[in-house]
Amino acid sequence: MFTAVADPIDSGFVRSLARPGGNVTGLASSVSEGLFGKQLELAREAVPSAKRVGILFNAGNPRNYFTQFAQQWTQAAEALKLELRRMDMRKQEDLDAIFRMAHQGQVDLVILVGDPLIFQYRMRVYDLAEGYRIPTIPPTKEYLAGRGLLSYGPNLTEMNSRAAVYVDRILKGAKPAELPVEQPSQYELVINLKAAKALGLTIPQSLLLRADQVLE
């Protein structure tokens, strides 16, 4: 049983999402078409003056969402007339230099790409970003930690609840090979007004009205 695996087919866990075919199934965090474009769109709406967007990702993960879906990122940025700046990270010690260069390169905001390494060191990311007064856009509300500006991504709490349902079904005799791999069905927009105030930003009312949750 797995949860939040980016691509269970490519990882070799299952033969297909509809019919896993082996002794394992679960929930995938597969990226929906247009997700990165939506993240960039929301970031631009929250920070209208932004022109240069830094993408912080784990370059040590060959399946990271930035390089794996580079075309989606590039097309979305071009449509919004945004310039993307790579922020390649492999370990915590890289972060100081990464953010120093981002500041020198006048990066206007930073999007955090979902990854266990980024999640582990998100507090250091926020420390550095706040020091340089750079807004941060993490992928889900679990990354926010009361400090990121906003997040838009799958509802991981809902995914974990669904995982519990799967475990229950398997314990009652269901065969993993016949249980389809589920993909995210709910996406959440969470806005952190405390972070916005600290950065001197005013979040548009139109964006606030679309939020699933507003942190004050």
N, C-alpha and C. Protein backbone atom coordinates (compact mmCIF):
# COMPACT_ATOMS: atom_id res chain seq x y z
N MET A 1 0.85 -1.19 0.00
CA MET A 1 0.00 0.00 0.00
C MET A 1 0.88 1.25 0.00
N PHE A 2 0.63 2.17 -0.94
CA PHE A 2 1.42 3.40 -0.98
C PHE A 2 0.50 4.61 -1.02
N THR A 3 1.04 5.75 -0.63
CA THR A 3 0.31 7.01 -0.74
C THR A 3 1.24 8.08 -1.29
N ALA A 4 0.65 9.01 -2.05
CA ALA A 4 1.37 10.18 -2.58
C ALA A 4 2.61 9.82 -3.38
N VAL A 5 2.55 8.72 -4.13
CA VAL A 5 3.64 8.39 -5.05
C VAL A 5 3.38 9.14 -6.35
N ALA A 6 4.40 9.86 -6.84
CA ALA A 6 4.20 10.73 -8.00
C ALA A 6 3.76 9.97 -9.24
N ASP A 7 4.46 8.89 -9.57
CA ASP A 7 4.13 8.13 -10.78
C ASP A 7 4.36 6.65 -10.50
N PRO A 8 3.35 5.95 -9.96
CA PRO A 8 3.53 4.54 -9.59
C PRO A 8 3.81 3.61 -10.77
N ILE A 9 3.41 4.00 -11.98
CA ILE A 9 3.70 3.18 -13.16
C ILE A 9 5.18 3.29 -13.50
N ASP A 10 5.66 4.53 -13.61
CA ASP A 10 7.07 4.76 -13.93
C ASP A 10 7.99 4.20 -12.84
N SER A 11 7.50 4.22 -11.60
CA SER A 11 8.30 3.71 -10.48
C SER A 11 8.31 2.19 -10.42
N GLY A 12 7.45 1.57 -11.21
CA GLY A 12 7.42 0.11 -11.27
C GLY A 12 6.54 -0.55 -10.23
N PHE A 13 5.72 0.23 -9.52
CA PHE A 13 4.86 -0.34 -8.50
C PHE A 13 3.66 -1.07 -9.09
N VAL A 14 3.10 -0.51 -10.18
CA VAL A 14 1.89 -1.09 -10.78
C VAL A 14 2.03 -1.10 -12.31
N ARG A 15 1.20 -1.94 -12.95
CA ARG A 15 1.21 -2.01 -14.41
C ARG A 15 0.37 -0.89 -15.02
N SER A 16 -0.74 -0.58 -14.38
CA SER A 16 -1.59 0.52 -14.83
C SER A 16 -2.34 1.05 -13.63
N LEU A 17 -2.89 2.26 -13.77
CA LEU A 17 -3.65 2.83 -12.65
C LEU A 17 -4.99 2.11 -12.47
N ALA A 18 -5.61 1.71 -13.58
CA ALA A 18 -6.92 1.05 -13.50
C ALA A 18 -6.82 -0.36 -12.94
N ARG A 19 -5.78 -1.11 -13.33
CA ARG A 19 -5.59 -2.48 -12.87
C ARG A 19 -4.12 -2.67 -12.48
N PRO A 20 -3.81 -2.43 -11.21
CA PRO A 20 -2.41 -2.51 -10.75
C PRO A 20 -1.72 -3.83 -11.11
N GLY A 21 -2.45 -4.94 -11.00
CA GLY A 21 -1.93 -6.22 -11.46
C GLY A 21 -0.98 -6.95 -10.54
N GLY A 22 -0.51 -6.32 -9.48
CA GLY A 22 0.41 -6.98 -8.55
C GLY A 22 -0.15 -7.07 -7.16
N ASN A 23 0.71 -6.99 -6.18
CA ASN A 23 0.27 -7.11 -4.79
C ASN A 23 0.33 -5.78 -4.07
N VAL A 24 0.25 -4.68 -4.83
CA VAL A 24 0.32 -3.35 -4.22
C VAL A 24 -0.59 -2.39 -4.98
N THR A 25 -1.20 -1.48 -4.26
CA THR A 25 -2.00 -0.41 -4.85
C THR A 25 -1.98 0.76 -3.88
N GLY A 26 -2.71 1.81 -4.18
CA GLY A 26 -2.72 2.95 -3.26
C GLY A 26 -3.17 4.22 -3.93
N LEU A 27 -2.57 5.34 -3.51
CA LEU A 27 -2.96 6.65 -4.00
C LEU A 27 -1.75 7.35 -4.60
N ALA A 28 -1.93 7.87 -5.80
CA ALA A 28 -0.85 8.58 -6.49
C ALA A 28 -1.04 10.08 -6.35
N SER A 29 0.06 10.79 -6.36
CA SER A 29 0.00 12.25 -6.36
C SER A 29 0.28 12.78 -7.76
N SER A 30 -0.12 12.00 -8.76
CA SER A 30 0.14 12.37 -10.16
C SER A 30 -0.32 13.80 -10.43
N VAL A 31 0.50 14.50 -11.20
CA VAL A 31 0.21 15.90 -11.48
C VAL A 31 -0.86 16.03 -12.55
N SER A 32 -1.90 16.78 -12.26
CA SER A 32 -2.96 16.98 -13.23
C SER A 32 -2.50 18.00 -14.28
N GLU A 33 -3.05 17.87 -15.46
CA GLU A 33 -2.73 18.80 -16.55
C GLU A 33 -3.11 20.22 -16.14
N GLY A 34 -2.18 21.14 -16.25
CA GLY A 34 -2.47 22.53 -15.95
C GLY A 34 -2.21 22.95 -14.51
N LEU A 35 -1.76 22.01 -13.65
CA LEU A 35 -1.55 22.36 -12.24
C LEU A 35 -0.49 23.44 -12.09
N PHE A 36 0.64 23.29 -12.77
CA PHE A 36 1.72 24.25 -12.61
C PHE A 36 1.34 25.61 -13.20
N GLY A 37 0.57 25.57 -14.27
CA GLY A 37 0.08 26.81 -14.83
C GLY A 37 -0.83 27.54 -13.84
N LYS A 38 -1.65 26.76 -13.14
CA LYS A 38 -2.55 27.35 -12.15
C LYS A 38 -1.76 27.94 -10.99
N GLN A 39 -0.70 27.24 -10.55
CA GLN A 39 0.13 27.77 -9.47
C GLN A 39 0.77 29.09 -9.88
N LEU A 40 1.29 29.15 -11.11
CA LEU A 40 1.89 30.39 -11.59
C LEU A 40 0.86 31.50 -11.72
N GLU A 41 -0.32 31.14 -12.20
CA GLU A 41 -1.40 32.12 -12.35
C GLU A 41 -1.79 32.72 -11.01
N LEU A 42 -1.94 31.87 -10.00
CA LEU A 42 -2.31 32.35 -8.66
C LEU A 42 -1.19 33.19 -8.06
N ALA A 43 0.05 32.77 -8.28
CA ALA A 43 1.19 33.53 -7.78
C ALA A 43 1.21 34.93 -8.39
N ARG A 44 0.98 35.00 -9.69
CA ARG A 44 0.96 36.29 -10.40
C ARG A 44 -0.19 37.16 -9.91
N GLU A 45 -1.32 36.54 -9.63
CA GLU A 45 -2.48 37.30 -9.15
C GLU A 45 -2.22 37.86 -7.75
N ALA A 46 -1.53 37.07 -6.92
CA ALA A 46 -1.23 37.52 -5.56
C ALA A 46 -0.13 38.57 -5.54
N VAL A 47 0.82 38.46 -6.48
CA VAL A 47 1.93 39.41 -6.57
C VAL A 47 1.98 39.94 -8.01
N PRO A 48 1.09 40.89 -8.35
CA PRO A 48 0.96 41.35 -9.75
C PRO A 48 2.24 41.92 -10.34
N SER A 49 3.11 42.42 -9.50
CA SER A 49 4.35 43.04 -10.00
C SER A 49 5.42 42.01 -10.36
N ALA A 50 5.19 40.75 -10.04
CA ALA A 50 6.20 39.71 -10.26
C ALA A 50 6.50 39.53 -11.74
N LYS A 51 7.78 39.46 -12.05
CA LYS A 51 8.23 39.20 -13.42
C LYS A 51 9.17 37.99 -13.48
N ARG A 52 9.96 37.82 -12.41
CA ARG A 52 10.92 36.73 -12.35
C ARG A 52 10.54 35.78 -11.21
N VAL A 53 10.28 34.53 -11.57
CA VAL A 53 9.82 33.54 -10.59
C VAL A 53 10.89 32.47 -10.41
N GLY A 54 11.34 32.30 -9.18
CA GLY A 54 12.29 31.24 -8.88
C GLY A 54 11.56 29.94 -8.61
N ILE A 55 12.08 28.83 -9.14
CA ILE A 55 11.49 27.51 -8.91
C ILE A 55 12.48 26.70 -8.09
N LEU A 56 12.15 26.50 -6.82
CA LEU A 56 13.02 25.75 -5.92
C LEU A 56 12.64 24.28 -5.97
N PHE A 57 13.59 23.42 -6.40
CA PHE A 57 13.29 22.00 -6.55
C PHE A 57 14.50 21.16 -6.17
N ASN A 58 14.24 19.90 -5.87
CA ASN A 58 15.30 18.96 -5.50
C ASN A 58 15.92 18.38 -6.77
N ALA A 59 17.06 18.92 -7.19
CA ALA A 59 17.72 18.46 -8.41
C ALA A 59 18.28 17.05 -8.26
N GLY A 60 18.40 16.58 -7.02
CA GLY A 60 18.90 15.24 -6.78
C GLY A 60 17.84 14.17 -6.97
N ASN A 61 16.60 14.58 -7.14
CA ASN A 61 15.50 13.65 -7.39
C ASN A 61 15.23 13.60 -8.89
N PRO A 62 15.58 12.51 -9.58
CA PRO A 62 15.41 12.46 -11.03
C PRO A 62 13.97 12.59 -11.48
N ARG A 63 13.02 12.35 -10.57
CA ARG A 63 11.60 12.46 -10.92
C ARG A 63 10.97 13.72 -10.34
N ASN A 64 11.77 14.74 -10.08
CA ASN A 64 11.21 15.97 -9.53
C ASN A 64 10.25 16.59 -10.54
N TYR A 65 9.26 17.31 -10.02
CA TYR A 65 8.19 17.83 -10.86
C TYR A 65 8.63 18.96 -11.79
N PHE A 66 9.78 19.58 -11.50
CA PHE A 66 10.20 20.68 -12.37
C PHE A 66 10.82 20.17 -13.66
N THR A 67 11.78 19.29 -13.56
CA THR A 67 12.40 18.78 -14.79
C THR A 67 11.49 17.78 -15.51
N GLN A 68 10.69 17.02 -14.74
CA GLN A 68 9.81 16.03 -15.35
C GLN A 68 8.72 16.69 -16.18
N PHE A 69 8.27 17.86 -15.75
CA PHE A 69 7.19 18.56 -16.46
C PHE A 69 7.66 19.94 -16.93
N ALA A 70 8.90 19.99 -17.40
CA ALA A 70 9.50 21.26 -17.82
C ALA A 70 8.68 21.98 -18.87
N GLN A 71 8.11 21.23 -19.80
CA GLN A 71 7.33 21.86 -20.87
C GLN A 71 6.10 22.57 -20.32
N GLN A 72 5.43 21.94 -19.34
CA GLN A 72 4.26 22.58 -18.73
C GLN A 72 4.65 23.90 -18.07
N TRP A 73 5.75 23.87 -17.31
CA TRP A 73 6.22 25.08 -16.62
C TRP A 73 6.53 26.17 -17.64
N THR A 74 7.28 25.81 -18.67
CA THR A 74 7.72 26.80 -19.66
C THR A 74 6.54 27.42 -20.40
N GLN A 75 5.62 26.59 -20.85
CA GLN A 75 4.47 27.10 -21.59
C GLN A 75 3.60 28.01 -20.71
N ALA A 76 3.40 27.61 -19.46
CA ALA A 76 2.59 28.42 -18.55
C ALA A 76 3.26 29.77 -18.28
N ALA A 77 4.57 29.75 -18.08
CA ALA A 77 5.31 30.99 -17.81
C ALA A 77 5.26 31.93 -19.01
N GLU A 78 5.43 31.37 -20.21
CA GLU A 78 5.39 32.19 -21.42
C GLU A 78 4.02 32.84 -21.60
N ALA A 79 2.97 32.08 -21.30
CA ALA A 79 1.61 32.63 -21.44
C ALA A 79 1.36 33.80 -20.49
N LEU A 80 2.01 33.74 -19.33
CA LEU A 80 1.83 34.78 -18.31
C LEU A 80 2.93 35.85 -18.38
N LYS A 81 3.84 35.70 -19.38
CA LYS A 81 4.96 36.63 -19.55
C LYS A 81 5.82 36.69 -18.28
N LEU A 82 6.09 35.52 -17.73
CA LEU A 82 6.95 35.40 -16.56
C LEU A 82 8.27 34.74 -16.94
N GLU A 83 9.33 35.15 -16.30
CA GLU A 83 10.65 34.55 -16.52
C GLU A 83 10.93 33.58 -15.38
N LEU A 84 11.22 32.32 -15.72
CA LEU A 84 11.50 31.32 -14.70
C LEU A 84 12.99 31.27 -14.41
N ARG A 85 13.34 31.18 -13.13
CA ARG A 85 14.73 31.05 -12.70
C ARG A 85 14.87 29.73 -11.93
N ARG A 86 15.75 28.86 -12.38
CA ARG A 86 15.99 27.59 -11.69
C ARG A 86 16.68 27.85 -10.35
N MET A 87 16.22 27.13 -9.32
CA MET A 87 16.86 27.16 -8.01
C MET A 87 17.11 25.70 -7.61
N ASP A 88 18.20 25.13 -8.14
CA ASP A 88 18.51 23.72 -7.94
C ASP A 88 19.04 23.47 -6.54
N MET A 89 18.41 22.58 -5.81
CA MET A 89 18.82 22.22 -4.45
C MET A 89 19.09 20.72 -4.38
N ARG A 90 20.13 20.34 -3.65
CA ARG A 90 20.42 18.93 -3.43
C ARG A 90 20.55 18.60 -1.94
N LYS A 91 20.88 19.61 -1.15
CA LYS A 91 21.02 19.42 0.30
C LYS A 91 20.75 20.76 1.00
N GLN A 92 20.54 20.71 2.31
CA GLN A 92 20.21 21.91 3.06
C GLN A 92 21.27 22.99 2.91
N GLU A 93 22.53 22.58 2.85
CA GLU A 93 23.63 23.54 2.80
C GLU A 93 23.61 24.39 1.52
N ASP A 94 22.86 23.96 0.52
CA ASP A 94 22.78 24.72 -0.73
C ASP A 94 21.92 25.98 -0.60
N LEU A 95 21.04 25.99 0.39
CA LEU A 95 19.99 27.01 0.43
C LEU A 95 20.51 28.43 0.59
N ASP A 96 21.53 28.64 1.42
CA ASP A 96 22.03 30.01 1.62
C ASP A 96 22.49 30.63 0.31
N ALA A 97 23.30 29.88 -0.45
CA ALA A 97 23.80 30.40 -1.72
C ALA A 97 22.67 30.57 -2.73
N ILE A 98 21.73 29.63 -2.74
CA ILE A 98 20.60 29.69 -3.67
C ILE A 98 19.80 30.97 -3.48
N PHE A 99 19.49 31.29 -2.23
CA PHE A 99 18.67 32.48 -1.97
C PHE A 99 19.48 33.76 -2.12
N ARG A 100 20.76 33.71 -1.84
CA ARG A 100 21.60 34.88 -2.08
C ARG A 100 21.62 35.23 -3.56
N MET A 101 21.77 34.20 -4.39
CA MET A 101 21.77 34.43 -5.85
C MET A 101 20.39 34.85 -6.34
N ALA A 102 19.34 34.30 -5.72
CA ALA A 102 17.98 34.69 -6.10
C ALA A 102 17.76 36.17 -5.80
N HIS A 103 18.25 36.60 -4.67
CA HIS A 103 18.12 38.02 -4.29
C HIS A 103 18.92 38.90 -5.24
N GLN A 104 20.13 38.49 -5.56
CA GLN A 104 20.97 39.27 -6.48
C GLN A 104 20.38 39.29 -7.89
N GLY A 105 19.71 38.20 -8.25
CA GLY A 105 19.06 38.12 -9.57
C GLY A 105 17.68 38.74 -9.59
N GLN A 106 17.30 39.36 -8.47
CA GLN A 106 16.02 40.07 -8.34
C GLN A 106 14.82 39.18 -8.62
N VAL A 107 14.85 37.97 -8.05
CA VAL A 107 13.70 37.08 -8.13
C VAL A 107 12.56 37.69 -7.32
N ASP A 108 11.37 37.74 -7.90
CA ASP A 108 10.25 38.43 -7.25
C ASP A 108 9.44 37.52 -6.33
N LEU A 109 9.44 36.23 -6.61
CA LEU A 109 8.78 35.27 -5.72
C LEU A 109 9.36 33.89 -6.02
N VAL A 110 9.16 32.97 -5.08
CA VAL A 110 9.70 31.62 -5.22
C VAL A 110 8.59 30.60 -5.05
N ILE A 111 8.51 29.67 -6.00
CA ILE A 111 7.58 28.55 -5.89
C ILE A 111 8.35 27.33 -5.43
N LEU A 112 7.85 26.67 -4.39
CA LEU A 112 8.47 25.45 -3.88
C LEU A 112 7.83 24.25 -4.58
N VAL A 113 8.65 23.41 -5.19
CA VAL A 113 8.15 22.21 -5.85
C VAL A 113 8.07 21.09 -4.83
N GLY A 114 6.94 20.40 -4.77
CA GLY A 114 6.73 19.35 -3.78
C GLY A 114 7.80 18.27 -3.82
N ASP A 115 8.41 17.99 -2.67
CA ASP A 115 9.46 16.98 -2.57
C ASP A 115 9.77 16.78 -1.09
N PRO A 116 10.06 15.54 -0.65
CA PRO A 116 10.38 15.31 0.76
C PRO A 116 11.53 16.16 1.28
N LEU A 117 12.55 16.40 0.44
CA LEU A 117 13.69 17.21 0.87
C LEU A 117 13.28 18.66 1.12
N ILE A 118 12.47 19.20 0.21
CA ILE A 118 11.98 20.58 0.37
C ILE A 118 11.11 20.68 1.62
N PHE A 119 10.27 19.67 1.81
CA PHE A 119 9.39 19.68 2.99
C PHE A 119 10.23 19.65 4.28
N GLN A 120 11.26 18.82 4.29
CA GLN A 120 12.09 18.68 5.48
C GLN A 120 12.75 20.00 5.88
N TYR A 121 13.17 20.79 4.88
CA TYR A 121 13.91 22.01 5.18
C TYR A 121 13.10 23.27 4.86
N ARG A 122 11.78 23.15 4.87
CA ARG A 122 10.95 24.29 4.51
C ARG A 122 11.12 25.46 5.47
N MET A 123 11.38 25.19 6.75
CA MET A 123 11.55 26.29 7.70
C MET A 123 12.79 27.12 7.38
N ARG A 124 13.86 26.46 6.96
CA ARG A 124 15.06 27.20 6.56
C ARG A 124 14.78 27.99 5.29
N VAL A 125 14.00 27.42 4.40
CA VAL A 125 13.59 28.14 3.19
C VAL A 125 12.85 29.42 3.57
N TYR A 126 11.91 29.31 4.49
CA TYR A 126 11.14 30.48 4.91
C TYR A 126 12.02 31.51 5.61
N ASP A 127 12.96 31.04 6.44
CA ASP A 127 13.87 31.97 7.12
C ASP A 127 14.62 32.84 6.10
N LEU A 128 15.17 32.17 5.08
CA LEU A 128 15.95 32.89 4.07
C LEU A 128 15.06 33.78 3.22
N ALA A 129 13.92 33.27 2.79
CA ALA A 129 13.02 34.06 1.95
C ALA A 129 12.53 35.30 2.69
N GLU A 130 12.18 35.14 3.94
CA GLU A 130 11.71 36.28 4.73
C GLU A 130 12.82 37.30 4.93
N GLY A 131 14.06 36.81 5.10
CA GLY A 131 15.19 37.72 5.25
C GLY A 131 15.39 38.59 4.03
N TYR A 132 15.14 38.04 2.87
CA TYR A 132 15.27 38.79 1.61
C TYR A 132 13.94 39.39 1.15
N ARG A 133 12.89 39.19 1.94
CA ARG A 133 11.55 39.69 1.63
C ARG A 133 11.06 39.18 0.27
N ILE A 134 11.20 37.87 0.08
CA ILE A 134 10.73 37.22 -1.14
C ILE A 134 9.51 36.36 -0.81
N PRO A 135 8.36 36.60 -1.42
CA PRO A 135 7.18 35.75 -1.18
C PRO A 135 7.44 34.31 -1.61
N THR A 136 6.86 33.37 -0.89
CA THR A 136 7.02 31.95 -1.22
C THR A 136 5.65 31.31 -1.46
N ILE A 137 5.62 30.42 -2.45
CA ILE A 137 4.40 29.72 -2.82
C ILE A 137 4.67 28.21 -2.71
N PRO A 138 4.33 27.59 -1.58
CA PRO A 138 4.52 26.14 -1.44
C PRO A 138 3.40 25.38 -2.14
N PRO A 139 3.60 24.06 -2.37
CA PRO A 139 2.64 23.29 -3.17
C PRO A 139 1.34 22.92 -2.47
N THR A 140 1.37 22.68 -1.15
CA THR A 140 0.16 22.30 -0.42
C THR A 140 0.16 22.97 0.95
N LYS A 141 -0.99 22.95 1.59
CA LYS A 141 -1.10 23.64 2.87
C LYS A 141 -0.22 23.01 3.95
N GLU A 142 0.15 21.73 3.77
CA GLU A 142 1.03 21.09 4.75
C GLU A 142 2.41 21.74 4.77
N TYR A 143 2.79 22.37 3.68
CA TYR A 143 4.09 23.06 3.60
C TYR A 143 4.02 24.47 4.19
N LEU A 144 2.84 25.06 4.26
CA LEU A 144 2.71 26.47 4.62
C LEU A 144 3.34 26.81 5.97
N ALA A 145 3.03 26.01 6.99
CA ALA A 145 3.57 26.21 8.33
C ALA A 145 3.35 27.64 8.83
N GLY A 146 2.27 28.26 8.38
CA GLY A 146 1.96 29.61 8.83
C GLY A 146 2.87 30.68 8.26
N ARG A 147 3.71 30.34 7.25
CA ARG A 147 4.72 31.30 6.80
C ARG A 147 4.68 31.54 5.28
N GLY A 148 4.37 30.54 4.49
CA GLY A 148 4.27 30.76 3.05
C GLY A 148 3.10 31.66 2.71
N LEU A 149 3.15 32.30 1.54
CA LEU A 149 2.11 33.25 1.16
C LEU A 149 0.80 32.56 0.79
N LEU A 150 0.88 31.56 -0.05
CA LEU A 150 -0.31 30.79 -0.41
C LEU A 150 0.12 29.44 -0.96
N SER A 151 -0.81 28.52 -0.99
CA SER A 151 -0.53 27.19 -1.56
C SER A 151 -1.73 26.76 -2.41
N TYR A 152 -1.41 25.96 -3.43
CA TYR A 152 -2.46 25.39 -4.25
C TYR A 152 -2.00 24.01 -4.69
N GLY A 153 -2.73 22.99 -4.25
CA GLY A 153 -2.33 21.63 -4.58
C GLY A 153 -3.32 20.62 -4.03
N PRO A 154 -2.99 19.34 -4.17
CA PRO A 154 -3.89 18.29 -3.71
C PRO A 154 -4.16 18.37 -2.21
N ASN A 155 -5.34 17.90 -1.84
CA ASN A 155 -5.72 17.81 -0.43
C ASN A 155 -5.13 16.52 0.13
N LEU A 156 -3.95 16.63 0.78
CA LEU A 156 -3.27 15.43 1.28
C LEU A 156 -4.02 14.79 2.44
N THR A 157 -4.75 15.59 3.20
CA THR A 157 -5.54 15.03 4.30
C THR A 157 -6.61 14.09 3.76
N GLU A 158 -7.26 14.53 2.67
CA GLU A 158 -8.27 13.70 2.03
C GLU A 158 -7.63 12.43 1.47
N MET A 159 -6.44 12.56 0.90
CA MET A 159 -5.75 11.40 0.36
C MET A 159 -5.44 10.38 1.46
N ASN A 160 -5.01 10.87 2.61
CA ASN A 160 -4.71 9.96 3.72
C ASN A 160 -5.97 9.25 4.22
N SER A 161 -7.08 9.97 4.19
CA SER A 161 -8.35 9.35 4.59
C SER A 161 -8.72 8.24 3.61
N ARG A 162 -8.52 8.51 2.33
CA ARG A 162 -8.81 7.50 1.32
C ARG A 162 -7.87 6.29 1.47
N ALA A 163 -6.64 6.55 1.86
CA ALA A 163 -5.68 5.46 2.08
C ALA A 163 -6.16 4.54 3.18
N ALA A 164 -6.75 5.12 4.23
CA ALA A 164 -7.27 4.31 5.33
C ALA A 164 -8.42 3.42 4.85
N VAL A 165 -9.22 3.94 3.94
CA VAL A 165 -10.32 3.15 3.36
C VAL A 165 -9.76 1.96 2.58
N TYR A 166 -8.71 2.20 1.82
CA TYR A 166 -8.08 1.12 1.06
C TYR A 166 -7.51 0.05 1.98
N VAL A 167 -6.84 0.48 3.03
CA VAL A 167 -6.27 -0.49 3.98
C VAL A 167 -7.39 -1.36 4.57
N ASP A 168 -8.51 -0.72 4.92
CA ASP A 168 -9.64 -1.45 5.48
C ASP A 168 -10.18 -2.48 4.48
N ARG A 169 -10.29 -2.09 3.22
CA ARG A 169 -10.80 -3.01 2.20
C ARG A 169 -9.86 -4.20 1.99
N ILE A 170 -8.56 -3.92 2.01
CA ILE A 170 -7.58 -5.00 1.83
C ILE A 170 -7.62 -5.96 3.00
N LEU A 171 -7.73 -5.42 4.21
CA LEU A 171 -7.80 -6.27 5.40
C LEU A 171 -9.06 -7.14 5.39
N LYS A 172 -10.08 -6.67 4.69
CA LYS A 172 -11.32 -7.44 4.62
C LYS A 172 -11.35 -8.40 3.43
N GLY A 173 -10.21 -8.49 2.72
CA GLY A 173 -10.11 -9.50 1.68
C GLY A 173 -10.01 -9.01 0.25
N ALA A 174 -10.11 -7.70 0.03
CA ALA A 174 -10.00 -7.19 -1.34
C ALA A 174 -8.57 -7.41 -1.85
N LYS A 175 -8.45 -7.68 -3.15
CA LYS A 175 -7.13 -7.92 -3.74
C LYS A 175 -6.55 -6.60 -4.28
N PRO A 176 -5.33 -6.23 -3.84
CA PRO A 176 -4.70 -5.01 -4.33
C PRO A 176 -4.65 -4.92 -5.85
N ALA A 177 -4.45 -6.08 -6.50
CA ALA A 177 -4.34 -6.09 -7.96
C ALA A 177 -5.61 -5.60 -8.64
N GLU A 178 -6.75 -5.65 -7.92
CA GLU A 178 -8.03 -5.27 -8.51
C GLU A 178 -8.54 -3.93 -8.01
N LEU A 179 -7.75 -3.27 -7.14
CA LEU A 179 -8.15 -1.96 -6.62
C LEU A 179 -7.43 -0.87 -7.41
N PRO A 180 -8.15 -0.07 -8.18
CA PRO A 180 -7.51 0.97 -8.99
C PRO A 180 -6.72 1.95 -8.13
N VAL A 181 -5.61 2.42 -8.68
CA VAL A 181 -4.84 3.47 -8.01
C VAL A 181 -5.61 4.77 -8.14
N GLU A 182 -5.85 5.42 -7.01
CA GLU A 182 -6.59 6.68 -7.03
C GLU A 182 -5.64 7.85 -7.24
N GLN A 183 -6.16 8.87 -7.92
CA GLN A 183 -5.42 10.12 -8.11
C GLN A 183 -6.14 11.24 -7.37
N PRO A 184 -5.47 12.35 -7.12
CA PRO A 184 -6.10 13.45 -6.36
C PRO A 184 -7.41 13.90 -7.01
N SER A 185 -8.40 14.09 -6.19
CA SER A 185 -9.69 14.55 -6.69
C SER A 185 -10.03 15.95 -6.17
N GLN A 186 -9.31 16.40 -5.15
CA GLN A 186 -9.56 17.71 -4.57
C GLN A 186 -8.28 18.54 -4.54
N TYR A 187 -8.40 19.79 -4.96
CA TYR A 187 -7.28 20.73 -4.91
C TYR A 187 -7.71 21.93 -4.06
N GLU A 188 -6.79 22.40 -3.23
CA GLU A 188 -7.12 23.47 -2.28
C GLU A 188 -6.27 24.71 -2.50
N LEU A 189 -6.92 25.86 -2.40
CA LEU A 189 -6.22 27.14 -2.39
C LEU A 189 -6.26 27.68 -0.96
N VAL A 190 -5.09 27.85 -0.36
CA VAL A 190 -5.00 28.38 1.00
C VAL A 190 -4.16 29.65 0.95
N ILE A 191 -4.66 30.73 1.54
CA ILE A 191 -3.98 32.02 1.52
C ILE A 191 -3.63 32.43 2.95
N ASN A 192 -2.41 32.89 3.13
CA ASN A 192 -1.90 33.27 4.45
C ASN A 192 -1.80 34.80 4.52
N LEU A 193 -2.80 35.44 5.11
CA LEU A 193 -2.82 36.90 5.18
C LEU A 193 -1.74 37.44 6.11
N LYS A 194 -1.33 36.66 7.09
CA LYS A 194 -0.25 37.10 7.99
C LYS A 194 1.04 37.29 7.20
N ALA A 195 1.34 36.33 6.33
CA ALA A 195 2.54 36.44 5.50
C ALA A 195 2.42 37.61 4.54
N ALA A 196 1.23 37.80 3.97
CA ALA A 196 1.02 38.90 3.04
C ALA A 196 1.26 40.25 3.73
N LYS A 197 0.75 40.38 4.94
CA LYS A 197 0.93 41.63 5.69
C LYS A 197 2.39 41.89 5.99
N ALA A 198 3.12 40.84 6.38
CA ALA A 198 4.55 40.99 6.68
C ALA A 198 5.34 41.44 5.46
N LEU A 199 4.87 41.06 4.27
CA LEU A 199 5.55 41.44 3.03
C LEU A 199 5.02 42.74 2.44
N GLY A 200 4.01 43.31 3.07
CA GLY A 200 3.43 44.54 2.56
C GLY A 200 2.57 44.33 1.33
N LEU A 201 2.00 43.13 1.21
CA LEU A 201 1.18 42.80 0.04
C LEU A 201 -0.30 42.84 0.40
N THR A 202 -1.10 43.26 -0.54
CA THR A 202 -2.56 43.23 -0.38
C THR A 202 -3.11 42.18 -1.34
N ILE A 203 -3.69 41.14 -0.80
CA ILE A 203 -4.24 40.07 -1.63
C ILE A 203 -5.57 40.55 -2.23
N PRO A 204 -5.75 40.47 -3.53
CA PRO A 204 -7.00 40.92 -4.15
C PRO A 204 -8.22 40.18 -3.58
N GLN A 205 -9.30 40.91 -3.42
CA GLN A 205 -10.52 40.32 -2.89
C GLN A 205 -11.01 39.18 -3.77
N SER A 206 -10.82 39.31 -5.08
CA SER A 206 -11.26 38.26 -6.00
C SER A 206 -10.54 36.95 -5.73
N LEU A 207 -9.29 37.02 -5.28
CA LEU A 207 -8.53 35.82 -4.95
C LEU A 207 -8.96 35.26 -3.60
N LEU A 208 -9.21 36.14 -2.65
CA LEU A 208 -9.66 35.71 -1.32
C LEU A 208 -10.99 34.97 -1.40
N LEU A 209 -11.87 35.43 -2.28
CA LEU A 209 -13.18 34.81 -2.40
C LEU A 209 -13.10 33.39 -2.97
N ARG A 210 -12.03 33.10 -3.70
CA ARG A 210 -11.87 31.77 -4.29
C ARG A 210 -11.13 30.80 -3.37
N ALA A 211 -10.60 31.31 -2.28
CA ALA A 211 -9.79 30.49 -1.39
C ALA A 211 -10.64 29.47 -0.62
N ASP A 212 -10.11 28.27 -0.44
CA ASP A 212 -10.77 27.27 0.39
C ASP A 212 -10.53 27.56 1.87
N GLN A 213 -9.42 28.24 2.15
CA GLN A 213 -9.08 28.58 3.53
C GLN A 213 -8.23 29.84 3.54
N VAL A 214 -8.51 30.75 4.47
CA VAL A 214 -7.72 31.97 4.63
C VAL A 214 -7.16 31.99 6.05
N LEU A 215 -5.85 32.06 6.16
CA LEU A 215 -5.19 32.10 7.47
C LEU A 215 -4.93 33.54 7.86
N GLU A 216 -5.36 33.91 9.08
CA GLU A 216 -5.21 35.31 9.52
C GLU A 216 -4.37 35.39 10.77
